Amino acid sequence: MPYIKEEARVFLDECIEKMTECLTEGDSLTDDEYLSILGEINYCFSRILGGAIGNVSYGKIAMTTGVLENIKQEFYRRVAEPYENIKITANGDIREYAKYKRI
């Protein structure tokens, strides 16, 4: 769950903003530029996880992969799903999915 207490965010946000600035060089990225830095984003997250895990155990591996899955799901829920809904409205739904409209 990414929703940690505000006081816990202060230090982390400074680091994250600095890393984001390093990755984007402080600029707004085009689609192609964003796609080109995804490997660098992967590298950063891999270094963070590798540096934080310490002694490897099954439990740590299981918990870490669970957190990564939660990150993926939350990103999809908060970013991809609203985008998909805009596209459904703009272009029309798939006939077979239309019967599953949200309440």
N, C-alpha and C. Protein backbone atom coordinates (compact mmCIF):
# COMPACT_ATOMS: atom_id res chain seq x y z
N MET A 1 0.85 -1.18 0.00
CA MET A 1 0.00 0.00 0.00
C MET A 1 0.90 1.24 0.00
N PRO A 2 0.78 2.08 -1.00
CA PRO A 2 1.66 3.25 -1.10
C PRO A 2 1.23 4.41 -0.20
N TYR A 3 0.15 4.26 0.52
CA TYR A 3 -0.41 5.38 1.27
C TYR A 3 0.12 5.40 2.68
N ILE A 4 1.39 5.79 2.82
CA ILE A 4 2.03 5.88 4.13
C ILE A 4 1.72 7.24 4.75
N LYS A 5 1.95 7.36 6.03
CA LYS A 5 1.66 8.61 6.75
C LYS A 5 2.49 9.76 6.17
N GLU A 6 1.90 10.94 6.24
CA GLU A 6 2.54 12.14 5.68
C GLU A 6 3.95 12.34 6.22
N GLU A 7 4.15 12.15 7.53
CA GLU A 7 5.47 12.40 8.10
C GLU A 7 6.51 11.41 7.58
N ALA A 8 6.08 10.23 7.18
CA ALA A 8 7.01 9.25 6.62
C ALA A 8 7.39 9.60 5.18
N ARG A 9 6.60 10.43 4.53
CA ARG A 9 6.84 10.77 3.13
C ARG A 9 7.90 11.86 2.94
N VAL A 10 8.11 12.69 3.95
CA VAL A 10 8.95 13.88 3.79
C VAL A 10 10.33 13.53 3.24
N PHE A 11 11.06 12.68 3.92
CA PHE A 11 12.41 12.33 3.48
C PHE A 11 12.37 11.56 2.16
N LEU A 12 11.46 10.59 2.06
CA LEU A 12 11.38 9.78 0.85
C LEU A 12 11.03 10.62 -0.37
N ASP A 13 10.11 11.57 -0.21
CA ASP A 13 9.71 12.41 -1.35
C ASP A 13 10.89 13.20 -1.91
N GLU A 14 11.76 13.69 -1.04
CA GLU A 14 12.94 14.41 -1.53
C GLU A 14 13.80 13.50 -2.39
N CYS A 15 14.03 12.29 -1.93
CA CYS A 15 14.84 11.33 -2.70
C CYS A 15 14.16 10.96 -4.01
N ILE A 16 12.87 10.72 -3.96
CA ILE A 16 12.13 10.33 -5.16
C ILE A 16 12.12 11.45 -6.18
N GLU A 17 11.90 12.68 -5.72
CA GLU A 17 11.91 13.82 -6.64
C GLU A 17 13.27 14.00 -7.28
N LYS A 18 14.34 13.78 -6.52
CA LYS A 18 15.69 13.88 -7.07
C LYS A 18 15.92 12.78 -8.11
N MET A 19 15.47 11.55 -7.81
CA MET A 19 15.63 10.45 -8.77
C MET A 19 14.82 10.71 -10.03
N THR A 20 13.60 11.20 -9.87
CA THR A 20 12.76 11.51 -11.03
C THR A 20 13.42 12.59 -11.88
N GLU A 21 14.00 13.59 -11.24
CA GLU A 21 14.68 14.66 -11.98
C GLU A 21 15.89 14.10 -12.73
N CYS A 22 16.63 13.18 -12.09
CA CYS A 22 17.76 12.55 -12.77
C CYS A 22 17.31 11.77 -14.01
N LEU A 23 16.21 11.05 -13.87
CA LEU A 23 15.71 10.23 -14.98
C LEU A 23 15.16 11.08 -16.12
N THR A 24 14.49 12.16 -15.78
CA THR A 24 13.83 12.97 -16.80
C THR A 24 14.63 14.20 -17.19
N GLU A 25 15.75 14.42 -16.52
CA GLU A 25 16.57 15.62 -16.70
C GLU A 25 15.75 16.87 -16.48
N GLY A 26 14.75 16.75 -15.59
CA GLY A 26 13.94 17.89 -15.21
C GLY A 26 12.92 18.32 -16.24
N ASP A 27 12.82 17.60 -17.34
CA ASP A 27 11.92 17.99 -18.41
C ASP A 27 10.70 17.08 -18.46
N SER A 28 9.67 17.58 -19.09
CA SER A 28 8.51 16.77 -19.40
C SER A 28 8.91 15.89 -20.58
N LEU A 29 8.65 14.60 -20.50
CA LEU A 29 9.11 13.67 -21.53
C LEU A 29 8.05 13.43 -22.60
N THR A 30 8.52 13.25 -23.81
CA THR A 30 7.64 12.79 -24.88
C THR A 30 7.37 11.30 -24.64
N ASP A 31 6.40 10.75 -25.36
CA ASP A 31 6.11 9.32 -25.24
C ASP A 31 7.36 8.49 -25.53
N ASP A 32 8.07 8.82 -26.61
CA ASP A 32 9.27 8.07 -26.98
C ASP A 32 10.36 8.19 -25.92
N GLU A 33 10.53 9.39 -25.36
CA GLU A 33 11.53 9.58 -24.32
C GLU A 33 11.18 8.77 -23.07
N TYR A 34 9.89 8.76 -22.72
CA TYR A 34 9.46 7.98 -21.57
C TYR A 34 9.74 6.49 -21.80
N LEU A 35 9.38 6.00 -22.99
CA LEU A 35 9.62 4.60 -23.30
C LEU A 35 11.11 4.26 -23.22
N SER A 36 11.95 5.21 -23.59
CA SER A 36 13.39 4.95 -23.60
C SER A 36 13.98 4.89 -22.19
N ILE A 37 13.32 5.44 -21.18
CA ILE A 37 13.88 5.39 -19.82
C ILE A 37 13.27 4.29 -18.96
N LEU A 38 12.36 3.49 -19.51
CA LEU A 38 11.76 2.42 -18.71
C LEU A 38 12.81 1.43 -18.22
N GLY A 39 13.82 1.14 -19.02
CA GLY A 39 14.91 0.27 -18.57
C GLY A 39 15.66 0.89 -17.40
N GLU A 40 15.84 2.20 -17.44
CA GLU A 40 16.52 2.88 -16.33
C GLU A 40 15.66 2.86 -15.07
N ILE A 41 14.34 2.99 -15.23
CA ILE A 41 13.44 2.90 -14.08
C ILE A 41 13.53 1.48 -13.49
N ASN A 42 13.52 0.47 -14.34
CA ASN A 42 13.66 -0.92 -13.90
C ASN A 42 14.97 -1.09 -13.13
N TYR A 43 16.05 -0.54 -13.68
CA TYR A 43 17.36 -0.61 -13.03
C TYR A 43 17.30 -0.01 -11.63
N CYS A 44 16.69 1.16 -11.51
CA CYS A 44 16.61 1.85 -10.21
C CYS A 44 15.85 1.02 -9.18
N PHE A 45 14.69 0.51 -9.58
CA PHE A 45 13.90 -0.30 -8.65
C PHE A 45 14.64 -1.58 -8.29
N SER A 46 15.31 -2.19 -9.27
CA SER A 46 16.06 -3.42 -8.99
C SER A 46 17.19 -3.16 -8.01
N ARG A 47 17.88 -2.03 -8.15
CA ARG A 47 18.95 -1.67 -7.21
C ARG A 47 18.39 -1.43 -5.82
N ILE A 48 17.26 -0.74 -5.74
CA ILE A 48 16.64 -0.47 -4.42
C ILE A 48 16.26 -1.78 -3.74
N LEU A 49 15.58 -2.65 -4.47
CA LEU A 49 15.17 -3.93 -3.88
C LEU A 49 16.37 -4.78 -3.51
N GLY A 50 17.35 -4.86 -4.40
CA GLY A 50 18.55 -5.65 -4.12
C GLY A 50 19.34 -5.11 -2.94
N GLY A 51 19.36 -3.80 -2.79
CA GLY A 51 20.10 -3.19 -1.69
C GLY A 51 19.38 -3.29 -0.36
N ALA A 52 18.07 -3.38 -0.40
CA ALA A 52 17.29 -3.40 0.84
C ALA A 52 17.04 -4.81 1.37
N ILE A 53 17.11 -5.82 0.53
CA ILE A 53 16.68 -7.16 0.94
C ILE A 53 17.61 -7.81 1.97
N GLY A 54 18.90 -7.50 1.95
CA GLY A 54 19.81 -8.14 2.90
C GLY A 54 19.94 -9.62 2.61
N ASN A 55 19.91 -10.44 3.67
CA ASN A 55 19.97 -11.89 3.49
C ASN A 55 18.70 -12.38 2.82
N VAL A 56 18.87 -13.12 1.75
CA VAL A 56 17.73 -13.59 0.98
C VAL A 56 17.09 -14.79 1.67
N SER A 57 15.76 -14.79 1.69
CA SER A 57 15.00 -15.93 2.22
C SER A 57 13.74 -16.07 1.37
N TYR A 58 13.13 -17.23 1.47
CA TYR A 58 11.88 -17.45 0.74
C TYR A 58 10.83 -16.41 1.13
N GLY A 59 10.71 -16.15 2.43
CA GLY A 59 9.72 -15.18 2.90
C GLY A 59 9.93 -13.79 2.31
N LYS A 60 11.18 -13.35 2.28
CA LYS A 60 11.47 -12.03 1.71
C LYS A 60 11.17 -11.99 0.21
N ILE A 61 11.52 -13.07 -0.47
CA ILE A 61 11.23 -13.13 -1.91
C ILE A 61 9.73 -13.09 -2.13
N ALA A 62 8.99 -13.88 -1.38
CA ALA A 62 7.54 -13.93 -1.52
C ALA A 62 6.90 -12.59 -1.21
N MET A 63 7.33 -11.96 -0.14
CA MET A 63 6.76 -10.66 0.23
C MET A 63 7.12 -9.59 -0.80
N THR A 64 8.35 -9.61 -1.29
CA THR A 64 8.78 -8.61 -2.28
C THR A 64 8.02 -8.76 -3.58
N THR A 65 7.88 -9.99 -4.06
CA THR A 65 7.12 -10.17 -5.30
C THR A 65 5.66 -9.81 -5.09
N GLY A 66 5.14 -10.03 -3.89
CA GLY A 66 3.77 -9.61 -3.58
C GLY A 66 3.63 -8.10 -3.62
N VAL A 67 4.61 -7.39 -3.08
CA VAL A 67 4.58 -5.92 -3.11
C VAL A 67 4.66 -5.42 -4.55
N LEU A 68 5.52 -6.04 -5.35
CA LEU A 68 5.63 -5.64 -6.76
C LEU A 68 4.31 -5.87 -7.49
N GLU A 69 3.63 -6.97 -7.19
CA GLU A 69 2.32 -7.23 -7.78
C GLU A 69 1.31 -6.17 -7.33
N ASN A 70 1.35 -5.80 -6.06
CA ASN A 70 0.45 -4.76 -5.56
C ASN A 70 0.72 -3.42 -6.23
N ILE A 71 2.00 -3.11 -6.46
CA ILE A 71 2.37 -1.87 -7.15
C ILE A 71 1.77 -1.88 -8.55
N LYS A 72 1.91 -3.00 -9.24
CA LYS A 72 1.36 -3.14 -10.60
C LYS A 72 -0.15 -2.94 -10.60
N GLN A 73 -0.82 -3.61 -9.67
CA GLN A 73 -2.27 -3.53 -9.61
C GLN A 73 -2.75 -2.11 -9.26
N GLU A 74 -2.07 -1.46 -8.34
CA GLU A 74 -2.47 -0.10 -7.96
C GLU A 74 -2.22 0.87 -9.11
N PHE A 75 -1.11 0.70 -9.82
CA PHE A 75 -0.84 1.55 -10.99
C PHE A 75 -1.94 1.35 -12.03
N TYR A 76 -2.31 0.11 -12.27
CA TYR A 76 -3.36 -0.16 -13.25
C TYR A 76 -4.68 0.47 -12.80
N ARG A 77 -5.01 0.28 -11.52
CA ARG A 77 -6.29 0.81 -10.99
C ARG A 77 -6.34 2.32 -11.07
N ARG A 78 -5.24 3.01 -10.75
CA ARG A 78 -5.24 4.46 -10.66
C ARG A 78 -4.92 5.16 -11.96
N VAL A 79 -4.14 4.52 -12.85
CA VAL A 79 -3.70 5.18 -14.08
C VAL A 79 -4.32 4.54 -15.32
N ALA A 80 -4.17 3.25 -15.47
CA ALA A 80 -4.62 2.59 -16.71
C ALA A 80 -6.14 2.50 -16.80
N GLU A 81 -6.79 2.16 -15.70
CA GLU A 81 -8.25 2.00 -15.75
C GLU A 81 -8.97 3.29 -16.15
N PRO A 82 -8.64 4.44 -15.55
CA PRO A 82 -9.30 5.67 -16.01
C PRO A 82 -9.02 5.97 -17.48
N TYR A 83 -7.80 5.71 -17.93
CA TYR A 83 -7.45 5.91 -19.34
C TYR A 83 -8.29 5.00 -20.23
N GLU A 84 -8.42 3.73 -19.84
CA GLU A 84 -9.22 2.79 -20.62
C GLU A 84 -10.68 3.23 -20.67
N ASN A 85 -11.20 3.74 -19.57
CA ASN A 85 -12.59 4.20 -19.55
C ASN A 85 -12.81 5.38 -20.50
N ILE A 86 -11.84 6.27 -20.58
CA ILE A 86 -11.91 7.38 -21.54
C ILE A 86 -11.97 6.84 -22.96
N LYS A 87 -11.14 5.84 -23.25
CA LYS A 87 -11.10 5.26 -24.59
C LYS A 87 -12.39 4.50 -24.91
N ILE A 88 -12.98 3.84 -23.92
CA ILE A 88 -14.27 3.16 -24.14
C ILE A 88 -15.32 4.19 -24.52
N THR A 89 -15.35 5.30 -23.79
CA THR A 89 -16.32 6.36 -24.07
C THR A 89 -16.08 6.95 -25.46
N ALA A 90 -14.83 7.18 -25.81
CA ALA A 90 -14.50 7.82 -27.09
C ALA A 90 -14.74 6.89 -28.28
N ASN A 91 -14.43 5.61 -28.11
CA ASN A 91 -14.44 4.69 -29.25
C ASN A 91 -15.53 3.62 -29.21
N GLY A 92 -16.24 3.53 -28.11
CA GLY A 92 -17.26 2.51 -27.97
C GLY A 92 -16.70 1.25 -27.33
N ASP A 93 -17.58 0.56 -26.64
CA ASP A 93 -17.18 -0.65 -25.91
C ASP A 93 -17.14 -1.85 -26.84
N ILE A 94 -16.51 -2.90 -26.40
CA ILE A 94 -16.54 -4.19 -27.07
C ILE A 94 -17.88 -4.82 -26.72
N ARG A 95 -18.58 -5.30 -27.71
CA ARG A 95 -19.93 -5.83 -27.53
C ARG A 95 -20.00 -6.85 -26.38
N GLU A 96 -19.05 -7.76 -26.34
CA GLU A 96 -19.08 -8.82 -25.33
C GLU A 96 -18.84 -8.28 -23.92
N TYR A 97 -18.17 -7.15 -23.79
CA TYR A 97 -17.90 -6.57 -22.47
C TYR A 97 -18.98 -5.60 -22.03
N ALA A 98 -19.76 -5.09 -22.95
CA ALA A 98 -20.76 -4.08 -22.63
C ALA A 98 -21.74 -4.55 -21.57
N LYS A 99 -22.00 -5.85 -21.52
CA LYS A 99 -22.95 -6.38 -20.52
C LYS A 99 -22.39 -6.33 -19.10
N TYR A 100 -21.11 -6.05 -18.96
CA TYR A 100 -20.47 -5.99 -17.65
C TYR A 100 -20.29 -4.55 -17.15
N LYS A 101 -21.12 -3.65 -17.61
CA LYS A 101 -21.02 -2.23 -17.23
C LYS A 101 -20.96 -2.11 -15.72
N ARG A 102 -20.18 -1.17 -15.27
CA ARG A 102 -20.08 -0.91 -13.83
C ARG A 102 -21.36 -0.27 -13.31
N ILE A 103 -21.63 -0.58 -12.08
CA ILE A 103 -22.82 -0.02 -11.44
C ILE A 103 -22.49 1.36 -10.88
